[in-house]
Amino acid sequence: MELQGTVKKISEIQTFASGFQKREMVILTEEQYPQPINVEFLQEKGDLLNNLKEGDKVKIGINLRGREWTSPQGEVKYFNSIIGWRLEKLDGTNNFNEPTEAAPVQRAEPASEVAKGENPFGNEEDDDLPF
């Protein structure tokens, strides 16, 4: 999945006693009702945020993660996380509301011309496939 938007906030690296590290970034989506979305970057992926600043437009490759937690009172709760794994800084020419035009596709020429009516796969009369 991907998210696109403008960088609203970038946090410092958080290091936990186990050695686990994460860094969070909030992006503001660019749609009719903009949403502030918190994205976590784990371990070395936190370095992807080093060259960003607030106001940059980005496209982020994300994974959604969920987990279940049971409180000491026995109440079950569910939590979701958005984990970033790829980051692309977009230049000012991109418009998120309109698709960009793709480059024209060049078709490869066939290696050899097949005569009209000729089987391009050779003689397959003894083919025993059921279809």
C-alpha atoms as a PDB file:
ATOM      1  CA  MET A   1       0.000   0.000   0.000  1.00  0.00           C
ATOM      2  CA  GLU A   2       1.044   3.596  -0.430  1.00  0.00           C
ATOM      3  CA  LEU A   3       0.308   6.923   1.206  1.00  0.00           C
ATOM      4  CA  GLN A   4       0.980  10.347  -0.281  1.00  0.00           C
ATOM      5  CA  GLY A   5       0.991  13.649   1.483  1.00  0.00           C
ATOM      6  CA  THR A   6       2.948  16.472   3.049  1.00  0.00           C
ATOM      7  CA  VAL A   7       5.303  15.944   5.973  1.00  0.00           C
ATOM      8  CA  LYS A   8       3.737  17.555   9.031  1.00  0.00           C
ATOM      9  CA  LYS A   9       6.067  16.302  11.786  1.00  0.00           C
ATOM     10  CA  ILE A  10       9.170  14.114  12.139  1.00  0.00           C
ATOM     11  CA  SER A  11      10.075  12.717  15.551  1.00  0.00           C
ATOM     12  CA  GLU A  12      13.484  11.863  16.969  1.00  0.00           C
ATOM     13  CA  ILE A  13      14.638   8.236  17.096  1.00  0.00           C
ATOM     14  CA  GLN A  14      13.217   6.351  20.090  1.00  0.00           C
ATOM     15  CA  THR A  15      15.481   3.600  21.465  1.00  0.00           C
ATOM     16  CA  PHE A  16      14.120   1.044  23.913  1.00  0.00           C
ATOM     17  CA  ALA A  17      15.948  -1.082  26.519  1.00  0.00           C
ATOM     18  CA  SER A  18      15.816  -4.118  24.191  1.00  0.00           C
ATOM     19  CA  GLY A  19      17.750  -2.172  21.521  1.00  0.00           C
ATOM     20  CA  PHE A  20      14.633  -1.776  19.365  1.00  0.00           C
ATOM     21  CA  GLN A  21      14.433   1.586  17.584  1.00  0.00           C
ATOM     22  CA  LYS A  22      11.616   3.431  15.874  1.00  0.00           C
ATOM     23  CA  ARG A  23      11.040   6.846  14.409  1.00  0.00           C
ATOM     24  CA  GLU A  24       7.648   8.348  13.615  1.00  0.00           C
ATOM     25  CA  MET A  25       6.490  10.771  10.970  1.00  0.00           C
ATOM     26  CA  VAL A  26       3.089  12.414  10.549  1.00  0.00           C
ATOM     27  CA  ILE A  27       1.961  13.169   7.014  1.00  0.00           C
ATOM     28  CA  LEU A  28      -1.083  15.182   6.056  1.00  0.00           C
ATOM     29  CA  THR A  29      -2.932  13.565   3.159  1.00  0.00           C
ATOM     30  CA  GLU A  30      -4.020  15.777   0.291  1.00  0.00           C
ATOM     31  CA  GLU A  31      -7.661  14.974  -0.320  1.00  0.00           C
ATOM     32  CA  GLN A  32     -11.028  16.637   0.253  1.00  0.00           C
ATOM     33  CA  TYR A  33     -10.748  15.971   4.002  1.00  0.00           C
ATOM     34  CA  PRO A  34      -6.978  15.898   4.790  1.00  0.00           C
ATOM     35  CA  GLN A  35      -5.999  13.351   7.421  1.00  0.00           C
ATOM     36  CA  PRO A  36      -2.933  13.456   9.698  1.00  0.00           C
ATOM     37  CA  ILE A  37      -1.500   9.917   9.479  1.00  0.00           C
ATOM     38  CA  ASN A  38       1.216   8.693  11.867  1.00  0.00           C
ATOM     39  CA  VAL A  39       3.673   6.298  10.191  1.00  0.00           C
ATOM     40  CA  GLU A  40       6.322   4.330  12.113  1.00  0.00           C
ATOM     41  CA  PHE A  41       9.725   3.496  10.635  1.00  0.00           C
ATOM     42  CA  LEU A  42      11.410   0.618  12.479  1.00  0.00           C
ATOM     43  CA  GLN A  43      15.101  -0.090  13.101  1.00  0.00           C
ATOM     44  CA  GLU A  44      17.334   1.111  10.209  1.00  0.00           C
ATOM     45  CA  LYS A  45      14.288   2.297   8.201  1.00  0.00           C
ATOM     46  CA  GLY A  46      14.260   5.338  10.501  1.00  0.00           C
ATOM     47  CA  ASP A  47      17.247   6.599   8.521  1.00  0.00           C
ATOM     48  CA  LEU A  48      14.920   7.161   5.554  1.00  0.00           C
ATOM     49  CA  LEU A  49      13.681  10.286   7.353  1.00  0.00           C
ATOM     50  CA  ASN A  50      17.113  11.904   7.717  1.00  0.00           C
ATOM     51  CA  ASN A  51      16.897  14.086   4.591  1.00  0.00           C
ATOM     52  CA  LEU A  52      13.287  15.203   5.036  1.00  0.00           C
ATOM     53  CA  LYS A  53      11.845  18.365   6.519  1.00  0.00           C
ATOM     54  CA  GLU A  54       8.368  19.578   7.350  1.00  0.00           C
ATOM     55  CA  GLY A  55       6.494  20.623   4.218  1.00  0.00           C
ATOM     56  CA  ASP A  56       8.136  18.052   1.899  1.00  0.00           C
ATOM     57  CA  LYS A  57       5.764  16.079  -0.309  1.00  0.00           C
ATOM     58  CA  VAL A  58       6.313  12.326  -0.044  1.00  0.00           C
ATOM     59  CA  LYS A  59       5.039   8.946  -1.167  1.00  0.00           C
ATOM     60  CA  ILE A  60       5.449   6.176   1.424  1.00  0.00           C
ATOM     61  CA  GLY A  61       5.270   2.409   0.946  1.00  0.00           C
ATOM     62  CA  ILE A  62       3.438   1.059   3.998  1.00  0.00           C
ATOM     63  CA  ASN A  63       2.275  -2.136   5.661  1.00  0.00           C
ATOM     64  CA  LEU A  64      -0.646  -2.299   8.089  1.00  0.00           C
ATOM     65  CA  ARG A  65      -0.080  -4.282  11.274  1.00  0.00           C
ATOM     66  CA  GLY A  66      -2.531  -5.243  14.008  1.00  0.00           C
ATOM     67  CA  ARG A  67      -2.198  -6.838  17.417  1.00  0.00           C
ATOM     68  CA  GLU A  68      -4.397  -8.018  20.241  1.00  0.00           C
ATOM     69  CA  TRP A  69      -3.777  -7.116  23.889  1.00  0.00           C
ATOM     70  CA  THR A  70      -5.517  -8.382  27.002  1.00  0.00           C
ATOM     71  CA  SER A  71      -5.537  -6.054  30.004  1.00  0.00           C
ATOM     72  CA  PRO A  72      -4.943  -7.368  33.549  1.00  0.00           C
ATOM     73  CA  GLN A  73      -8.734  -7.085  34.019  1.00  0.00           C
ATOM     74  CA  GLY A  74      -9.274  -9.454  31.064  1.00  0.00           C
ATOM     75  CA  GLU A  75     -10.499  -6.809  28.616  1.00  0.00           C
ATOM     76  CA  VAL A  76      -9.308  -7.473  25.055  1.00  0.00           C
ATOM     77  CA  LYS A  77      -8.209  -4.490  22.955  1.00  0.00           C
ATOM     78  CA  TYR A  78      -6.942  -4.255  19.384  1.00  0.00           C
ATOM     79  CA  PHE A  79      -4.274  -1.886  18.103  1.00  0.00           C
ATOM     80  CA  ASN A  80      -3.198  -0.996  14.571  1.00  0.00           C
ATOM     81  CA  SER A  81       0.123   0.305  13.311  1.00  0.00           C
ATOM     82  CA  ILE A  82       1.169   1.760   9.988  1.00  0.00           C
ATOM     83  CA  ILE A  83       4.749   0.729   9.236  1.00  0.00           C
ATOM     84  CA  GLY A  84       6.753   2.565   6.561  1.00  0.00           C
ATOM     85  CA  TRP A  85       9.310   0.621   4.562  1.00  0.00           C
ATOM     86  CA  ARG A  86       9.935   2.806   1.484  1.00  0.00           C
ATOM     87  CA  LEU A  87      10.005   6.567   1.080  1.00  0.00           C
ATOM     88  CA  GLU A  88      10.057   8.699  -2.046  1.00  0.00           C
ATOM     89  CA  LYS A  89      10.406  12.470  -1.891  1.00  0.00           C
ATOM     90  CA  LEU A  90       8.211  14.047  -4.566  1.00  0.00           C
ATOM     91  CA  ASP A  91       9.154  17.267  -6.311  1.00  0.00           C
ATOM     92  CA  GLY A  92       6.807  20.219  -6.549  1.00  0.00           C
ATOM     93  CA  THR A  93       5.614  19.254 -10.037  1.00  0.00           C
ATOM     94  CA  ASN A  94       3.568  16.284  -8.875  1.00  0.00           C
ATOM     95  CA  ASN A  95      -0.142  16.837  -8.440  1.00  0.00           C
ATOM     96  CA  PHE A  96      -1.745  14.199  -6.218  1.00  0.00           C
ATOM     97  CA  ASN A  97      -5.222  14.778  -7.659  1.00  0.00           C
ATOM     98  CA  GLU A  98      -4.322  14.063 -11.290  1.00  0.00           C
ATOM     99  CA  PRO A  99      -2.500  11.015 -12.611  1.00  0.00           C
ATOM    100  CA  THR A 100       0.834  11.650 -14.258  1.00  0.00           C
ATOM    101  CA  GLU A 101       1.108  10.689 -17.896  1.00  0.00           C
ATOM    102  CA  ALA A 102       3.053   7.507 -18.519  1.00  0.00           C
ATOM    103  CA  ALA A 103       5.771   7.353 -21.164  1.00  0.00           C
ATOM    104  CA  PRO A 104       4.657   5.725 -24.408  1.00  0.00           C
ATOM    105  CA  VAL A 105       5.237   1.979 -24.518  1.00  0.00           C
ATOM    106  CA  GLN A 106       7.376   0.718 -27.375  1.00  0.00           C
ATOM    107  CA  ARG A 107       6.263  -2.630 -28.670  1.00  0.00           C
ATOM    108  CA  ALA A 108       8.907  -5.220 -29.398  1.00  0.00           C
ATOM    109  CA  GLU A 109       8.990  -6.544 -32.926  1.00  0.00           C
ATOM    110  CA  PRO A 110       8.253 -10.281 -33.190  1.00  0.00           C
ATOM    111  CA  ALA A 111      11.361 -12.427 -33.640  1.00  0.00           C
ATOM    112  CA  SER A 112       9.923 -14.050 -36.759  1.00  0.00           C
ATOM    113  CA  GLU A 113       6.779 -13.601 -38.763  1.00  0.00           C
ATOM    114  CA  VAL A 114       4.369 -16.551 -38.599  1.00  0.00           C
ATOM    115  CA  ALA A 115       2.677 -17.419 -41.874  1.00  0.00           C
ATOM    116  CA  LYS A 116      -1.083 -17.028 -41.853  1.00  0.00           C
ATOM    117  CA  GLY A 117      -2.706 -20.258 -40.695  1.00  0.00           C
ATOM    118  CA  GLU A 118       0.593 -21.748 -39.488  1.00  0.00           C
ATOM    119  CA  ASN A 119       0.746 -22.999 -35.872  1.00  0.00           C
ATOM    120  CA  PRO A 120       3.293 -20.740 -34.112  1.00  0.00           C
ATOM    121  CA  PHE A 121       3.977 -23.461 -31.508  1.00  0.00           C
ATOM    122  CA  GLY A 122       5.024 -26.138 -33.954  1.00  0.00           C
ATOM    123  CA  ASN A 123       3.420 -29.534 -34.347  1.00  0.00           C
ATOM    124  CA  GLU A 124       1.470 -30.312 -31.161  1.00  0.00           C
ATOM    125  CA  GLU A 125      -0.808 -33.064 -32.441  1.00  0.00           C
ATOM    126  CA  ASP A 126       0.236 -35.497 -29.711  1.00  0.00           C
ATOM    127  CA  ASP A 127      -0.560 -32.960 -26.968  1.00  0.00           C
ATOM    128  CA  ASP A 128      -2.473 -34.762 -24.198  1.00  0.00           C
ATOM    129  CA  LEU A 129      -3.591 -31.714 -22.220  1.00  0.00           C
ATOM    130  CA  PRO A 130      -7.300 -31.821 -21.332  1.00  0.00           C
ATOM    131  CA  PHE A 131      -7.979 -28.334 -22.691  1.00  0.00           C
END
